[in-house]
Protein backbone atom coordinates (compact mmCIF):
# COMPACT_ATOMS: atom_id res chain seq x y z
CA UNK A 1 -210.20 2.05 64.33
CA UNK A 2 -208.93 3.61 61.17
CA UNK A 3 -207.72 1.44 58.17
CA UNK A 4 -204.38 0.39 57.70
CA UNK A 5 -201.84 2.64 55.96
CA UNK A 6 -201.61 -0.06 53.01
CA UNK A 7 -204.69 -2.54 51.87
CA UNK A 8 -203.52 -5.71 53.09
CA UNK A 9 -204.55 -9.30 53.80
CA UNK A 10 -202.77 -12.67 54.95
CA UNK A 11 -201.12 -10.61 57.17
CA UNK A 12 -199.66 -11.14 60.54
CA UNK A 13 -200.30 -9.34 63.46
CA UNK A 14 -200.00 -8.90 67.39
CA UNK A 15 -200.68 -6.83 70.55
CA UNK A 16 -198.60 -5.83 73.16
CA UNK A 17 -199.35 -3.29 76.00
CA UNK A 18 -202.38 -2.10 73.84
CA UNK A 19 -200.72 -1.59 70.68
CA UNK A 20 -201.24 -3.38 67.52
CA UNK A 21 -198.79 -4.78 65.19
CA UNK A 22 -199.18 -5.43 61.78
CA UNK A 23 -196.63 -7.03 59.01
CA UNK A 24 -196.44 -7.94 55.53
CA UNK A 25 -199.55 -9.56 53.86
CA UNK A 26 -201.10 -9.38 50.28
CA UNK A 27 -202.48 -5.93 48.83
CA UNK A 28 -204.24 -8.04 46.10
CA UNK A 29 -201.30 -7.58 43.38
CA UNK A 30 -198.30 -8.40 45.31
CA UNK A 31 -196.89 -9.71 48.81
CA UNK A 32 -195.77 -6.72 51.15
CA UNK A 33 -192.89 -6.27 53.17
CA UNK A 34 -194.12 -2.93 54.95
CA UNK A 35 -194.84 -2.96 58.87
CA UNK A 36 -196.85 -0.70 60.90
CA UNK A 37 -198.31 -0.33 64.42
CA UNK A 38 -201.62 1.22 65.84
CA UNK A 39 -202.05 2.78 69.24
CA UNK A 40 -205.45 3.55 70.29
CA UNK A 41 -203.96 6.56 72.27
CA UNK A 42 -202.66 8.36 69.06
CA UNK A 43 -205.54 6.94 66.91
CA UNK A 44 -203.25 6.51 63.84
CA UNK A 45 -201.18 3.98 62.11
CA UNK A 46 -197.45 4.73 62.38
CA UNK A 47 -194.97 3.08 59.81
CA UNK A 48 -192.42 0.71 60.97
CA UNK A 49 -189.31 -0.39 59.70
CA UNK A 50 -189.63 -2.67 56.58
CA UNK A 51 -189.08 -6.47 56.49
CA UNK A 52 -186.25 -7.92 54.57
CA UNK A 53 -188.45 -9.88 52.35
CA UNK A 54 -192.08 -9.54 51.13
CA UNK A 55 -194.49 -12.12 53.18
CA UNK A 56 -197.71 -13.53 53.65
CA UNK A 57 -199.45 -16.13 55.42
CA UNK A 58 -196.61 -15.68 58.66
CA UNK A 59 -196.36 -15.26 62.08
CA UNK A 60 -195.69 -12.15 64.27
CA UNK A 61 -194.69 -13.08 67.87
CA UNK A 62 -193.41 -10.64 70.90
CA UNK A 63 -190.46 -12.04 72.14
CA UNK A 64 -189.15 -9.97 75.07
CA UNK A 65 -188.82 -6.55 73.57
CA UNK A 66 -189.00 -7.69 69.84
CA UNK A 67 -191.23 -9.00 67.26
CA UNK A 68 -190.47 -11.86 65.43
CA UNK A 69 -191.29 -12.87 62.12
CA UNK A 70 -191.60 -16.53 61.00
CA UNK A 71 -192.15 -16.89 57.53
CA UNK A 72 -194.56 -19.29 55.53
CA UNK A 73 -194.60 -17.45 52.28
CA UNK A 74 -191.75 -15.28 51.28
CA UNK A 75 -190.73 -13.93 48.16
CA UNK A 76 -187.25 -15.09 48.35
CA UNK A 77 -187.26 -18.65 47.95
CA UNK A 78 -184.37 -19.29 50.01
CA UNK A 79 -186.09 -17.78 52.88
CA UNK A 80 -188.97 -20.35 52.88
CA UNK A 81 -187.73 -22.44 56.18
CA UNK A 82 -189.83 -22.03 59.19
CA UNK A 83 -187.82 -19.62 61.13
CA UNK A 84 -187.01 -16.08 62.50
CA UNK A 85 -186.05 -14.21 59.80
CA UNK A 86 -187.21 -10.66 60.68
CA UNK A 87 -186.56 -9.25 64.26
CA UNK A 88 -188.03 -5.56 65.33
CA UNK A 89 -186.25 -4.09 68.97
CA UNK A 90 -189.16 -2.48 70.70
CA UNK A 91 -186.98 -1.11 73.31
CA UNK A 92 -187.48 2.71 72.53
CA UNK A 93 -191.41 1.76 71.80
CA UNK A 94 -191.93 0.26 75.38
CA UNK A 95 -190.16 2.87 77.35
């Protein structure tokens, strides 16, 4: 598998229909708000819309046709409550 578009650890990742989704994390100097997906059929990482806040140590969950992030660490102090705080609709990706 090819490396991420952005170096990251403490990220959240999940798989749906053979596609890996990754969001947030820490690049060694700052937390990230970027998200990307990897489809083995394409062989490359593709950038997705960014989250509204930089995040690390969070979860990424598939809910129907959407990805949902529940925060652990967020750079915005007001967004540290464990709740869905970023949702990406995958409807177009799944067709």
